[in-house]
Protein backbone atom coordinates (compact mmCIF):
# COMPACT_ATOMS: atom_id res chain seq x y z
CA MET A 1 -33.07 24.64 -34.87
CA SER A 2 -32.68 24.89 -31.13
CA ALA A 3 -35.09 23.63 -28.49
CA PRO A 4 -37.53 26.19 -27.15
CA THR A 5 -36.51 27.96 -24.00
CA GLY A 6 -37.65 26.16 -20.88
CA SER A 7 -37.70 22.71 -22.51
CA PRO A 8 -35.87 19.99 -20.65
CA THR A 9 -32.61 18.87 -22.20
CA VAL A 10 -32.46 15.17 -22.97
CA HIS A 11 -29.19 13.41 -22.14
CA SER A 12 -28.45 10.12 -23.81
CA ALA A 13 -26.62 8.65 -20.81
CA ALA A 14 -25.32 9.78 -17.47
CA ALA A 15 -21.60 10.41 -17.33
CA PRO A 16 -19.74 7.55 -15.61
CA GLU A 17 -18.69 8.34 -12.08
CA VAL A 18 -15.32 8.02 -10.46
CA ASP A 19 -14.93 4.72 -8.62
CA ARG A 20 -14.78 6.03 -5.05
CA ILE A 21 -13.70 2.72 -3.55
CA ALA A 22 -10.77 2.55 -5.97
CA VAL A 23 -9.84 6.17 -5.17
CA GLY A 24 -9.90 5.31 -1.46
CA LEU A 25 -7.75 2.26 -2.16
CA ALA A 26 -5.27 4.37 -4.14
CA LEU A 27 -5.09 6.87 -1.28
CA LEU A 28 -4.44 4.07 1.23
CA LEU A 29 -1.65 2.74 -0.99
CA LEU A 30 -0.16 6.25 -1.14
CA VAL A 31 -0.25 6.46 2.67
CA ASP A 32 1.45 3.03 2.79
CA PHE A 33 4.11 4.48 0.47
CA VAL A 34 4.61 7.57 2.66
CA LEU A 35 4.95 5.47 5.83
CA ALA A 36 7.54 3.25 4.13
CA VAL A 37 9.51 6.33 3.03
CA VAL A 38 9.37 7.70 6.58
CA MET A 39 10.69 4.37 7.85
CA LEU A 40 13.49 4.40 5.27
CA ALA A 41 14.50 7.91 6.29
CA THR A 42 14.22 7.59 10.07
CA ASP A 43 15.05 4.03 11.12
CA LYS A 44 18.79 3.98 11.77
CA ASN A 45 18.63 0.28 12.73
CA LEU A 46 17.12 -0.57 9.35
CA GLN A 47 19.71 1.56 7.57
CA THR A 48 22.78 0.17 9.34
CA ASP A 49 21.87 -3.33 10.58
CA PHE A 50 21.67 -2.00 14.14
CA GLY A 51 24.97 -0.14 13.78
CA ALA A 52 26.97 -2.99 12.20
CA LEU A 53 27.33 -1.21 8.83
CA SER A 54 29.34 1.98 8.51
CA SER A 55 28.56 2.56 4.82
CA GLY A 56 25.79 1.53 2.47
CA TYR A 57 22.41 0.20 3.58
CA TYR A 58 21.36 -3.06 5.16
CA ALA A 59 19.49 -5.62 3.01
CA HIS A 60 16.21 -5.14 4.92
CA TRP A 61 16.35 -1.44 4.00
CA TYR A 62 16.19 -2.44 0.34
CA GLY A 63 13.21 -4.68 1.13
CA VAL A 64 11.32 -1.70 2.55
CA LEU A 65 12.38 0.34 -0.50
CA VAL A 66 10.83 -2.28 -2.79
CA LEU A 67 7.71 -2.24 -0.61
CA ALA A 68 7.49 1.55 -1.00
CA LEU A 69 7.99 1.44 -4.77
CA VAL A 70 5.34 -1.27 -5.25
CA ASP A 71 2.96 0.80 -3.10
CA LEU A 72 3.54 3.82 -5.32
CA VAL A 73 3.11 1.96 -8.60
CA ALA A 74 0.01 0.15 -7.31
CA ALA A 75 -1.48 3.45 -6.11
CA LEU A 76 -0.97 5.05 -9.53
CA VAL A 77 -2.44 2.06 -11.39
CA VAL A 78 -5.47 1.91 -9.07
CA LEU A 79 -5.95 5.66 -9.40
CA GLY A 80 -5.97 5.31 -13.20
CA TYR A 81 -8.40 2.40 -12.85
CA SER A 82 -10.73 4.57 -10.74
CA MET A 83 -11.11 7.23 -13.46
CA PRO A 84 -13.83 6.49 -16.03
CA SER A 85 -11.88 8.31 -18.73
CA MET A 86 -8.71 6.28 -18.05
CA ARG A 87 -10.09 2.78 -17.51
CA PRO A 88 -11.04 2.14 -21.16
CA ARG A 89 -7.51 3.16 -22.19
CA MET A 90 -5.91 0.55 -19.94
CA PRO A 91 -4.91 -2.78 -21.49
CA SER A 92 -7.76 -5.25 -20.93
CA LEU A 93 -5.57 -7.54 -18.80
CA LEU A 94 -4.64 -4.66 -16.49
CA ARG A 95 -8.23 -3.43 -16.39
CA ARG A 96 -9.47 -6.90 -15.48
CA TYR A 97 -6.86 -7.71 -12.82
CA THR A 98 -6.15 -4.35 -11.16
CA PRO A 99 -8.55 -4.99 -8.25
CA LEU A 100 -7.14 -8.51 -7.71
CA GLY A 101 -3.56 -7.24 -7.83
CA ALA A 102 -4.48 -4.47 -5.43
CA LEU A 103 -5.82 -7.14 -3.06
CA ALA A 104 -2.88 -9.52 -3.50
CA TRP A 105 -0.29 -6.83 -2.79
CA PRO A 106 -1.31 -5.83 0.78
CA ILE A 107 -1.84 -9.50 1.67
CA LEU A 108 1.69 -10.27 0.49
CA ALA A 109 3.01 -7.23 2.40
CA ILE A 110 1.23 -8.38 5.58
CA LEU A 111 2.71 -11.86 5.27
CA ALA A 112 6.19 -10.40 4.69
CA MET A 113 5.88 -7.98 7.61
CA VAL A 114 4.82 -10.76 9.98
CA GLY A 115 7.20 -13.32 8.49
CA ILE A 116 10.24 -11.05 8.85
CA VAL A 117 10.22 -11.92 12.55
CA GLU A 118 11.81 -15.24 11.56
CA SER A 119 14.93 -13.37 10.42
CA TYR A 120 15.68 -12.39 14.04
CA GLN A 121 19.16 -13.99 13.99
CA GLU A 122 20.19 -11.99 10.92
CA VAL A 123 19.68 -8.76 12.85
CA GLY A 124 21.32 -9.83 16.08
CA PHE A 125 18.37 -10.80 18.26
CA MET A 126 18.58 -13.99 20.31
CA THR A 127 14.90 -14.93 19.88
CA ALA A 128 12.01 -14.21 17.55
CA ASN A 129 10.14 -12.83 20.57
CA GLN A 130 12.82 -10.16 21.12
CA PHE A 131 12.68 -9.11 17.46
CA SER A 132 8.88 -9.02 17.45
CA THR A 133 8.97 -6.87 20.61
CA TYR A 134 11.31 -4.48 18.77
CA LEU A 135 9.14 -4.43 15.62
CA PHE A 136 5.69 -4.34 17.20
CA GLY A 137 6.49 -2.46 20.40
CA THR A 138 5.13 1.01 20.96
CA SER A 139 8.09 2.21 23.00
CA ASP A 140 11.83 2.26 22.35
CA TYR A 141 13.53 -1.12 22.53
CA PRO A 142 16.56 -0.88 24.84
CA GLY A 143 20.00 -0.66 23.27
CA VAL A 144 19.06 0.11 19.67
CA LEU A 145 19.60 3.12 17.45
CA SER A 146 17.04 5.82 16.64
CA TYR A 147 13.72 4.72 15.15
CA ILE A 148 9.97 5.39 15.48
CA PRO A 149 8.72 2.47 17.63
CA TRP A 150 5.04 2.46 16.54
CA LEU A 151 5.69 2.97 12.81
CA TYR A 152 5.88 -0.74 11.98
CA ASP A 153 2.60 -1.33 13.84
CA LEU A 154 0.95 1.52 11.96
CA MET A 155 2.18 0.20 8.60
CA LEU A 156 0.89 -3.28 9.38
CA ALA A 157 -2.51 -1.96 10.51
CA LEU A 158 -2.74 0.21 7.40
CA PHE A 159 -1.94 -2.77 5.14
CA VAL A 160 -4.75 -4.70 6.84
CA LEU A 161 -7.12 -1.79 6.15
CA THR A 162 -5.81 -1.59 2.57
CA ALA A 163 -6.50 -5.31 2.09
CA ILE A 164 -10.06 -4.88 3.39
CA VAL A 165 -10.76 -1.97 1.02
CA ALA A 166 -9.12 -3.92 -1.83
CA ALA A 167 -11.42 -6.89 -1.08
CA LEU A 168 -14.37 -4.51 -1.30
CA ALA A 169 -13.02 -3.20 -4.63
CA VAL A 170 -12.73 -6.77 -5.96
CA TRP A 171 -16.28 -7.53 -4.84
CA GLN A 172 -17.53 -4.33 -6.48
CA SER A 173 -15.67 -5.04 -9.73
CA ARG A 174 -17.22 -8.51 -9.91
CA HIS A 175 -20.73 -7.12 -9.41
CA ALA A 176 -20.45 -4.01 -11.60
CA ALA A 177 -21.50 -3.78 -15.21
CA PRO A 178 -18.61 -4.32 -17.64
CA VAL A 179 -16.86 -1.19 -18.91
């Protein structure tokens, strides 16, 4: 028998909501991925070791490719983690450590992006200061091939923002009720 018309419907429990912080984190990781792909496609210095290679790609290009691929995989995992219908289907280890992994990744990327300055001799710069001026400058560095000068800065800033949002996601996951 059905409830009389006009009677309130009783729900046993509210439907779980999408984790908005995790969605934001996934979107930031996707933007990190897009910026890395743009760098791979546009930075002729990265592609050719500042013109020294006539075929193939320079080793640092492959490093940025790995960075892009990890960004993409992390974004997809975090996006799955953010969906209430997907989270219970994830292996418990992945479900437990996704926020921590999503925090560790941008921190590692930041360290790598800053630490790469120490490879200045590998790319033909005389000093680390010259290479950091090339990487972190907002205008073209004299005597180099085509590239977007502010792209590296933007990627680094975005990884810092990604790490902050990931830290918030970790905090939230530690203070949320278990799923």
